[in-house]
Amino acid sequence: MKLAGSTVGVGKDLRYHTVELLRLYRGLMKYREIAELVKIPPPVIWRYITFKILPSYERARDVVKILTSREVVSNILRRYVRFKEGAIDTSNVFSNVLLLKILAYVAYYSFSDVDVVLTVELDGVPIATLVADLFKSRLAISRKGIPFTSDIVYEAEYVSRDPPSIVRLYLPSSDLKKGERVLIVDDLIRTGKTTVTLIKLIRNVEATLTGIFSPIAVGSAWRETLKNHQSAIVTVLNIEE
């Protein structure tokens, strides 16, 4: 995690990230609520947000640690998740750009050394794009159909139960190269099968898995599926079925 001693932890970016995070939170919360979280008076927060002043590196480190903590962000996520007739509706989460940007910062400060952010079409693309932008990395999107513009593709598959079918994921060979460090980002983990299939693609390329990030995890089936990769997984909100 970058706050634990990397160059970002003491560099210029951290102070501007602090201001950006405070601005994002201001779009979702009142000054008073933010002040209670970060233990900073509202007038000082206002001065940061308006660029009247910048926080010190020490204060910036503390604020970023709080505002990207899973405890704080999961509490915000709960406000936007809806339950309808036994189904989980996350549309209010993944249509909220402010919230997606906060989640991207959680991923950014949870992992390091990322060359490529890998996701699956379509729902994972918005959050993966924001994460890739923060890392200044490339974005690779696996697809459920062979891209007609690609001569060579990597392929992996899994069995879906609902509906029963074999799902194949394809990745153009130009999107991922041997030895690159890859962060998997997906909008939601339920069974873990899609994630395992992405890991297979990474191995086929002989690239390296850096980590797995998902804002929302549902149930517990995915834990068994990904039991060999537990140390690499960061989820924000866990919903029990």
C-alpha atoms as a PDB file:
ATOM      1  CA  MET A   1       0.000   0.000   0.000  1.00  0.00           C
ATOM      2  CA  LYS A   2       1.467   3.335  -1.023  1.00  0.00           C
ATOM      3  CA  LEU A   3       0.847   5.028   2.304  1.00  0.00           C
ATOM      4  CA  ALA A   4       3.214   2.602   3.952  1.00  0.00           C
ATOM      5  CA  GLY A   5       6.412   4.116   2.709  1.00  0.00           C
ATOM      6  CA  SER A   6       6.352   4.474  -1.072  1.00  0.00           C
ATOM      7  CA  THR A   7       7.473   7.625  -2.858  1.00  0.00           C
ATOM      8  CA  VAL A   8       3.864   8.644  -3.429  1.00  0.00           C
ATOM      9  CA  GLY A   9       3.453   8.740   0.334  1.00  0.00           C
ATOM     10  CA  VAL A  10       5.897  11.631   0.595  1.00  0.00           C
ATOM     11  CA  GLY A  11       5.571  13.178  -2.852  1.00  0.00           C
ATOM     12  CA  LYS A  12       3.593  16.029  -4.372  1.00  0.00           C
ATOM     13  CA  ASP A  13       0.804  13.799  -5.703  1.00  0.00           C
ATOM     14  CA  LEU A  14      -0.402  12.857  -2.245  1.00  0.00           C
ATOM     15  CA  ARG A  15      -1.323  16.437  -1.350  1.00  0.00           C
ATOM     16  CA  TYR A  16      -3.301  16.919  -4.554  1.00  0.00           C
ATOM     17  CA  HIS A  17      -4.930  13.541  -4.115  1.00  0.00           C
ATOM     18  CA  THR A  18      -6.054  14.729  -0.687  1.00  0.00           C
ATOM     19  CA  VAL A  19      -7.708  17.781  -2.173  1.00  0.00           C
ATOM     20  CA  GLU A  20      -9.336  15.714  -4.927  1.00  0.00           C
ATOM     21  CA  LEU A  21     -10.682  13.204  -2.424  1.00  0.00           C
ATOM     22  CA  LEU A  22     -12.086  15.961  -0.226  1.00  0.00           C
ATOM     23  CA  ARG A  23     -13.793  17.462  -3.288  1.00  0.00           C
ATOM     24  CA  LEU A  24     -15.276  14.093  -4.205  1.00  0.00           C
ATOM     25  CA  TYR A  25     -16.536  13.545  -0.684  1.00  0.00           C
ATOM     26  CA  ARG A  26     -17.983  17.060  -0.656  1.00  0.00           C
ATOM     27  CA  GLY A  27     -20.129  16.028  -3.612  1.00  0.00           C
ATOM     28  CA  LEU A  28     -21.606  13.216  -1.523  1.00  0.00           C
ATOM     29  CA  MET A  29     -21.568  14.568   2.037  1.00  0.00           C
ATOM     30  CA  LYS A  30     -21.892  17.746   4.076  1.00  0.00           C
ATOM     31  CA  TYR A  31     -18.850  19.592   5.405  1.00  0.00           C
ATOM     32  CA  ARG A  32     -19.817  18.573   8.919  1.00  0.00           C
ATOM     33  CA  GLU A  33     -19.839  14.882   8.027  1.00  0.00           C
ATOM     34  CA  ILE A  34     -16.447  15.101   6.343  1.00  0.00           C
ATOM     35  CA  ALA A  35     -15.026  16.996   9.312  1.00  0.00           C
ATOM     36  CA  GLU A  36     -16.148  14.225  11.640  1.00  0.00           C
ATOM     37  CA  LEU A  37     -14.336  11.674   9.503  1.00  0.00           C
ATOM     38  CA  VAL A  38     -11.005  13.441   9.059  1.00  0.00           C
ATOM     39  CA  LYS A  39     -10.977  15.433  12.338  1.00  0.00           C
ATOM     40  CA  ILE A  40     -10.391  18.727  10.548  1.00  0.00           C
ATOM     41  CA  PRO A  41     -12.596  21.834  11.026  1.00  0.00           C
ATOM     42  CA  PRO A  42     -14.963  22.589   8.094  1.00  0.00           C
ATOM     43  CA  PRO A  43     -13.349  26.000   7.371  1.00  0.00           C
ATOM     44  CA  VAL A  44      -9.973  24.294   6.879  1.00  0.00           C
ATOM     45  CA  ILE A  45     -11.521  21.673   4.608  1.00  0.00           C
ATOM     46  CA  TRP A  46     -13.063  24.489   2.563  1.00  0.00           C
ATOM     47  CA  ARG A  47      -9.656  26.140   2.218  1.00  0.00           C
ATOM     48  CA  TYR A  48      -8.163  22.879   0.958  1.00  0.00           C
ATOM     49  CA  ILE A  49     -10.984  22.262  -1.508  1.00  0.00           C
ATOM     50  CA  THR A  50     -10.721  25.779  -2.926  1.00  0.00           C
ATOM     51  CA  PHE A  51      -6.919  25.551  -3.142  1.00  0.00           C
ATOM     52  CA  LYS A  52      -6.433  28.447  -0.753  1.00  0.00           C
ATOM     53  CA  ILE A  53      -3.869  26.241   0.965  1.00  0.00           C
ATOM     54  CA  LEU A  54      -2.542  22.698   0.630  1.00  0.00           C
ATOM     55  CA  PRO A  55      -2.323  20.280   3.542  1.00  0.00           C
ATOM     56  CA  SER A  56       1.035  19.288   4.939  1.00  0.00           C
ATOM     57  CA  TYR A  57       2.393  15.932   3.803  1.00  0.00           C
ATOM     58  CA  GLU A  58       1.730  14.461   7.238  1.00  0.00           C
ATOM     59  CA  ARG A  59      -1.883  15.633   7.298  1.00  0.00           C
ATOM     60  CA  ALA A  60      -2.376  14.580   3.670  1.00  0.00           C
ATOM     61  CA  ARG A  61      -1.183  11.075   4.506  1.00  0.00           C
ATOM     62  CA  ASP A  62      -3.635  10.836   7.403  1.00  0.00           C
ATOM     63  CA  VAL A  63      -6.577  12.174   5.380  1.00  0.00           C
ATOM     64  CA  VAL A  64      -5.971   9.866   2.415  1.00  0.00           C
ATOM     65  CA  LYS A  65      -5.661   6.884   4.730  1.00  0.00           C
ATOM     66  CA  ILE A  66      -9.082   7.672   6.222  1.00  0.00           C
ATOM     67  CA  LEU A  67     -10.871   8.549   2.986  1.00  0.00           C
ATOM     68  CA  THR A  68      -9.633   5.423   1.175  1.00  0.00           C
ATOM     69  CA  SER A  69     -10.209   3.054   4.089  1.00  0.00           C
ATOM     70  CA  ARG A  70     -12.539   0.158   3.391  1.00  0.00           C
ATOM     71  CA  GLU A  71     -14.542   0.926   6.538  1.00  0.00           C
ATOM     72  CA  VAL A  72     -15.362   4.475   5.489  1.00  0.00           C
ATOM     73  CA  VAL A  73     -15.959   3.770   1.799  1.00  0.00           C
ATOM     74  CA  SER A  74     -18.080   0.664   2.462  1.00  0.00           C
ATOM     75  CA  ASN A  75     -20.399   2.740   4.643  1.00  0.00           C
ATOM     76  CA  ILE A  76     -20.902   5.121   1.733  1.00  0.00           C
ATOM     77  CA  LEU A  77     -21.477   2.257  -0.700  1.00  0.00           C
ATOM     78  CA  ARG A  78     -24.250   0.883   1.493  1.00  0.00           C
ATOM     79  CA  ARG A  79     -26.228   4.070   0.922  1.00  0.00           C
ATOM     80  CA  TYR A  80     -26.345   3.412  -2.820  1.00  0.00           C
ATOM     81  CA  VAL A  81     -26.928  -0.346  -2.976  1.00  0.00           C
ATOM     82  CA  ARG A  82     -30.589  -1.292  -3.291  1.00  0.00           C
ATOM     83  CA  PHE A  83     -32.331  -4.616  -2.746  1.00  0.00           C
ATOM     84  CA  LYS A  84     -35.321  -5.407  -4.982  1.00  0.00           C
ATOM     85  CA  GLU A  85     -37.266  -8.647  -4.666  1.00  0.00           C
ATOM     86  CA  GLY A  86     -34.224 -10.516  -3.418  1.00  0.00           C
ATOM     87  CA  ALA A  87     -31.939  -9.076  -6.111  1.00  0.00           C
ATOM     88  CA  ILE A  88     -29.082  -6.632  -5.560  1.00  0.00           C
ATOM     89  CA  ASP A  89     -29.308  -3.407  -7.550  1.00  0.00           C
ATOM     90  CA  THR A  90     -25.933  -1.644  -7.902  1.00  0.00           C
ATOM     91  CA  SER A  91     -26.967   0.758 -10.667  1.00  0.00           C
ATOM     92  CA  ASN A  92     -26.823   3.744  -8.293  1.00  0.00           C
ATOM     93  CA  VAL A  93     -23.232   2.839  -7.459  1.00  0.00           C
ATOM     94  CA  PHE A  94     -21.848   2.407 -10.950  1.00  0.00           C
ATOM     95  CA  SER A  95     -23.663   5.403 -12.411  1.00  0.00           C
ATOM     96  CA  ASN A  96     -22.228   7.741  -9.755  1.00  0.00           C
ATOM     97  CA  VAL A  97     -18.997   9.188 -11.117  1.00  0.00           C
ATOM     98  CA  LEU A  98     -17.978  10.757  -7.791  1.00  0.00           C
ATOM     99  CA  LEU A  99     -18.309   7.418  -6.038  1.00  0.00           C
ATOM    100  CA  LEU A 100     -16.456   5.590  -8.814  1.00  0.00           C
ATOM    101  CA  LYS A 101     -13.554   8.019  -8.518  1.00  0.00           C
ATOM    102  CA  ILE A 102     -13.364   7.435  -4.757  1.00  0.00           C
ATOM    103  CA  LEU A 103     -13.328   3.683  -5.382  1.00  0.00           C
ATOM    104  CA  ALA A 104     -10.534   4.151  -7.912  1.00  0.00           C
ATOM    105  CA  TYR A 105      -8.469   5.849  -5.212  1.00  0.00           C
ATOM    106  CA  VAL A 106      -9.103   2.889  -2.899  1.00  0.00           C
ATOM    107  CA  ALA A 107      -7.629   0.604  -5.550  1.00  0.00           C
ATOM    108  CA  TYR A 108      -4.735   2.971  -6.200  1.00  0.00           C
ATOM    109  CA  TYR A 109      -3.712   3.112  -2.563  1.00  0.00           C
ATOM    110  CA  SER A 110      -4.162  -0.635  -2.081  1.00  0.00           C
ATOM    111  CA  PHE A 111      -1.754  -1.810  -4.792  1.00  0.00           C
ATOM    112  CA  SER A 112       1.490  -0.773  -6.430  1.00  0.00           C
ATOM    113  CA  ASP A 113       3.614  -1.635  -9.457  1.00  0.00           C
ATOM    114  CA  VAL A 114       0.814  -1.942 -12.007  1.00  0.00           C
ATOM    115  CA  ASP A 115       1.535  -1.949 -15.735  1.00  0.00           C
ATOM    116  CA  VAL A 116      -1.898  -3.018 -16.967  1.00  0.00           C
ATOM    117  CA  VAL A 117      -5.409  -2.903 -15.513  1.00  0.00           C
ATOM    118  CA  LEU A 118      -7.442  -5.833 -16.817  1.00  0.00           C
ATOM    119  CA  THR A 119     -11.239  -6.042 -16.770  1.00  0.00           C
ATOM    120  CA  VAL A 120     -14.182  -7.664 -18.566  1.00  0.00           C
ATOM    121  CA  GLU A 121     -16.658  -5.924 -20.831  1.00  0.00           C
ATOM    122  CA  LEU A 122     -18.940  -4.096 -20.120  1.00  0.00           C
ATOM    123  CA  ASP A 123     -19.756  -3.283 -16.508  1.00  0.00           C
ATOM    124  CA  GLY A 124     -16.179  -3.304 -15.245  1.00  0.00           C
ATOM    125  CA  VAL A 125     -14.911  -0.828 -17.826  1.00  0.00           C
ATOM    126  CA  PRO A 126     -15.792   2.510 -16.112  1.00  0.00           C
ATOM    127  CA  ILE A 127     -14.141   1.726 -12.767  1.00  0.00           C
ATOM    128  CA  ALA A 128     -11.186   0.001 -14.453  1.00  0.00           C
ATOM    129  CA  THR A 129     -10.632   3.051 -16.665  1.00  0.00           C
ATOM    130  CA  LEU A 130     -10.451   5.362 -13.640  1.00  0.00           C
ATOM    131  CA  VAL A 131      -8.036   3.019 -11.852  1.00  0.00           C
ATOM    132  CA  ALA A 132      -5.810   2.789 -14.929  1.00  0.00           C
ATOM    133  CA  ASP A 133      -5.769   6.576 -15.185  1.00  0.00           C
ATOM    134  CA  LEU A 134      -4.500   6.923 -11.615  1.00  0.00           C
ATOM    135  CA  PHE A 135      -1.792   4.345 -12.167  1.00  0.00           C
ATOM    136  CA  LYS A 136      -0.918   5.860 -15.556  1.00  0.00           C
ATOM    137  CA  SER A 137      -1.127   2.297 -16.832  1.00  0.00           C
ATOM    138  CA  ARG A 138      -2.682   0.671 -19.869  1.00  0.00           C
ATOM    139  CA  LEU A 139      -6.232  -0.658 -19.852  1.00  0.00           C
ATOM    140  CA  ALA A 140      -6.945  -4.141 -21.226  1.00  0.00           C
ATOM    141  CA  ILE A 141     -10.531  -5.306 -21.786  1.00  0.00           C
ATOM    142  CA  SER A 142     -11.352  -8.985 -22.256  1.00  0.00           C
ATOM    143  CA  ARG A 143     -14.395  -9.697 -24.380  1.00  0.00           C
ATOM    144  CA  LYS A 144     -16.926 -12.488 -24.749  1.00  0.00           C
ATOM    145  CA  GLY A 145     -16.484 -12.467 -28.503  1.00  0.00           C
ATOM    146  CA  ILE A 146     -13.371 -12.550 -30.662  1.00  0.00           C
ATOM    147  CA  PRO A 147     -12.369  -8.978 -31.637  1.00  0.00           C
ATOM    148  CA  PHE A 148     -12.526  -8.970 -35.439  1.00  0.00           C
ATOM    149  CA  THR A 149      -9.619  -6.501 -35.653  1.00  0.00           C
ATOM    150  CA  SER A 150      -7.201  -8.849 -33.864  1.00  0.00           C
ATOM    151  CA  ASP A 151      -5.201 -11.519 -35.661  1.00  0.00           C
ATOM    152  CA  ILE A 152      -4.017 -13.235 -32.463  1.00  0.00           C
ATOM    153  CA  VAL A 153      -6.056 -13.557 -29.267  1.00  0.00           C
ATOM    154  CA  TYR A 154      -5.643 -15.326 -25.956  1.00  0.00           C
ATOM    155  CA  GLU A 155      -8.611 -17.402 -24.817  1.00  0.00           C
ATOM    156  CA  ALA A 156      -9.889 -18.848 -21.524  1.00  0.00           C
ATOM    157  CA  GLU A 157     -13.280 -20.182 -20.471  1.00  0.00           C
ATOM    158  CA  TYR A 158     -15.528 -21.009 -17.524  1.00  0.00           C
ATOM    159  CA  VAL A 159     -18.842 -22.783 -17.018  1.00  0.00           C
ATOM    160  CA  SER A 160     -21.794 -20.581 -16.153  1.00  0.00           C
ATOM    161  CA  ARG A 161     -24.751 -22.073 -14.295  1.00  0.00           C
ATOM    162  CA  ASP A 162     -27.259 -19.276 -14.943  1.00  0.00           C
ATOM    163  CA  PRO A 163     -27.950 -19.924 -17.722  1.00  0.00           C
ATOM    164  CA  PRO A 164     -25.960 -23.184 -18.157  1.00  0.00           C
ATOM    165  CA  SER A 165     -23.314 -22.416 -20.755  1.00  0.00           C
ATOM    166  CA  ILE A 166     -19.621 -22.213 -21.487  1.00  0.00           C
ATOM    167  CA  VAL A 167     -18.410 -18.617 -21.413  1.00  0.00           C
ATOM    168  CA  ARG A 168     -15.223 -17.802 -23.282  1.00  0.00           C
ATOM    169  CA  LEU A 169     -13.200 -14.655 -22.730  1.00  0.00           C
ATOM    170  CA  TYR A 170     -10.839 -13.317 -25.378  1.00  0.00           C
ATOM    171  CA  LEU A 171      -7.973 -10.867 -25.129  1.00  0.00           C
ATOM    172  CA  PRO A 172      -5.993  -9.470 -28.083  1.00  0.00           C
ATOM    173  CA  SER A 173      -2.328 -10.438 -27.805  1.00  0.00           C
ATOM    174  CA  SER A 174      -1.333  -6.791 -28.191  1.00  0.00           C
ATOM    175  CA  ASP A 175      -3.160  -5.826 -24.972  1.00  0.00           C
ATOM    176  CA  LEU A 176      -0.977  -7.787 -22.582  1.00  0.00           C
ATOM    177  CA  LYS A 177       2.648  -8.826 -22.762  1.00  0.00           C
ATOM    178  CA  LYS A 178       4.880 -11.322 -21.032  1.00  0.00           C
ATOM    179  CA  GLY A 179       6.247 -10.107 -17.720  1.00  0.00           C
ATOM    180  CA  GLU A 180       3.803  -7.219 -17.268  1.00  0.00           C
ATOM    181  CA  ARG A 181       2.267  -6.643 -13.834  1.00  0.00           C
ATOM    182  CA  VAL A 182      -1.521  -6.872 -13.997  1.00  0.00           C
ATOM    183  CA  LEU A 183      -4.250  -5.647 -11.676  1.00  0.00           C
ATOM    184  CA  ILE A 184      -7.668  -7.233 -12.236  1.00  0.00           C
ATOM    185  CA  VAL A 185     -10.539  -4.797 -11.654  1.00  0.00           C
ATOM    186  CA  ASP A 186     -14.180  -5.837 -11.805  1.00  0.00           C
ATOM    187  CA  ASP A 187     -17.365  -4.153 -10.694  1.00  0.00           C
ATOM    188  CA  LEU A 188     -18.649  -7.093  -8.653  1.00  0.00           C
ATOM    189  CA  ILE A 189     -17.508 -10.547  -7.530  1.00  0.00           C
ATOM    190  CA  ARG A 190     -20.095 -13.245  -6.856  1.00  0.00           C
ATOM    191  CA  THR A 191     -18.871 -16.694  -7.902  1.00  0.00           C
ATOM    192  CA  GLY A 192     -15.286 -15.710  -8.709  1.00  0.00           C
ATOM    193  CA  LYS A 193     -15.405 -17.640 -11.991  1.00  0.00           C
ATOM    194  CA  THR A 194     -14.862 -14.603 -14.183  1.00  0.00           C
ATOM    195  CA  THR A 195     -11.897 -13.560 -12.060  1.00  0.00           C
ATOM    196  CA  VAL A 196     -10.322 -17.026 -12.238  1.00  0.00           C
ATOM    197  CA  THR A 197     -10.723 -16.927 -16.019  1.00  0.00           C
ATOM    198  CA  LEU A 198      -8.920 -13.580 -16.167  1.00  0.00           C
ATOM    199  CA  ILE A 199      -6.130 -15.095 -14.076  1.00  0.00           C
ATOM    200  CA  LYS A 200      -5.886 -17.906 -16.664  1.00  0.00           C
ATOM    201  CA  LEU A 201      -5.497 -15.287 -19.400  1.00  0.00           C
ATOM    202  CA  ILE A 202      -2.721 -13.612 -17.414  1.00  0.00           C
ATOM    203  CA  ARG A 203      -0.931 -16.942 -17.014  1.00  0.00           C
ATOM    204  CA  ASN A 204      -1.361 -17.750 -20.698  1.00  0.00           C
ATOM    205  CA  VAL A 205       0.494 -14.542 -21.501  1.00  0.00           C
ATOM    206  CA  GLU A 206       3.105 -15.264 -18.786  1.00  0.00           C
ATOM    207  CA  ALA A 207       2.318 -11.934 -17.158  1.00  0.00           C
ATOM    208  CA  THR A 208       2.201 -11.425 -13.359  1.00  0.00           C
ATOM    209  CA  LEU A 209      -0.908 -10.971 -11.221  1.00  0.00           C
ATOM    210  CA  THR A 210      -0.424  -7.953  -8.930  1.00  0.00           C
ATOM    211  CA  GLY A 211      -3.852  -8.033  -7.315  1.00  0.00           C
ATOM    212  CA  ILE A 212      -7.623  -8.228  -7.655  1.00  0.00           C
ATOM    213  CA  PHE A 213      -9.929  -5.316  -6.849  1.00  0.00           C
ATOM    214  CA  SER A 214     -13.716  -5.247  -6.725  1.00  0.00           C
ATOM    215  CA  PRO A 215     -15.898  -2.619  -5.044  1.00  0.00           C
ATOM    216  CA  ILE A 216     -18.590  -5.168  -4.154  1.00  0.00           C
ATOM    217  CA  ALA A 217     -18.434  -8.866  -3.267  1.00  0.00           C
ATOM    218  CA  VAL A 218     -21.639 -10.872  -2.896  1.00  0.00           C
ATOM    219  CA  GLY A 219     -21.969 -14.032  -0.831  1.00  0.00           C
ATOM    220  CA  SER A 220     -19.092 -16.353  -0.002  1.00  0.00           C
ATOM    221  CA  ALA A 221     -18.788 -18.671  -3.022  1.00  0.00           C
ATOM    222  CA  TRP A 222     -16.077 -16.496  -4.519  1.00  0.00           C
ATOM    223  CA  ARG A 223     -13.834 -17.071  -1.483  1.00  0.00           C
ATOM    224  CA  GLU A 224     -13.612 -20.800  -2.244  1.00  0.00           C
ATOM    225  CA  THR A 225     -13.111 -20.190  -5.968  1.00  0.00           C
ATOM    226  CA  LEU A 226     -10.286 -17.730  -5.308  1.00  0.00           C
ATOM    227  CA  LYS A 227      -8.842 -19.383  -2.210  1.00  0.00           C
ATOM    228  CA  ASN A 228      -5.400 -19.606  -3.805  1.00  0.00           C
ATOM    229  CA  HIS A 229      -5.362 -15.834  -4.371  1.00  0.00           C
ATOM    230  CA  GLN A 230      -6.840 -14.514  -1.100  1.00  0.00           C
ATOM    231  CA  SER A 231      -3.827 -12.368  -0.264  1.00  0.00           C
ATOM    232  CA  ALA A 232      -4.168 -10.490  -3.545  1.00  0.00           C
ATOM    233  CA  ILE A 233      -7.859  -9.584  -3.214  1.00  0.00           C
ATOM    234  CA  VAL A 234      -9.250  -6.251  -2.037  1.00  0.00           C
ATOM    235  CA  THR A 235     -13.017  -5.825  -1.843  1.00  0.00           C
ATOM    236  CA  VAL A 236     -14.769  -2.827  -0.305  1.00  0.00           C
ATOM    237  CA  LEU A 237     -18.335  -3.878   0.507  1.00  0.00           C
ATOM    238  CA  ASN A 238     -19.166  -7.505   1.267  1.00  0.00           C
ATOM    239  CA  ILE A 239     -22.846  -8.395   1.000  1.00  0.00           C
ATOM    240  CA  GLU A 240     -24.086 -11.651   2.437  1.00  0.00           C
ATOM    241  CA  GLU A 241     -26.805 -13.431   0.456  1.00  0.00           C
END
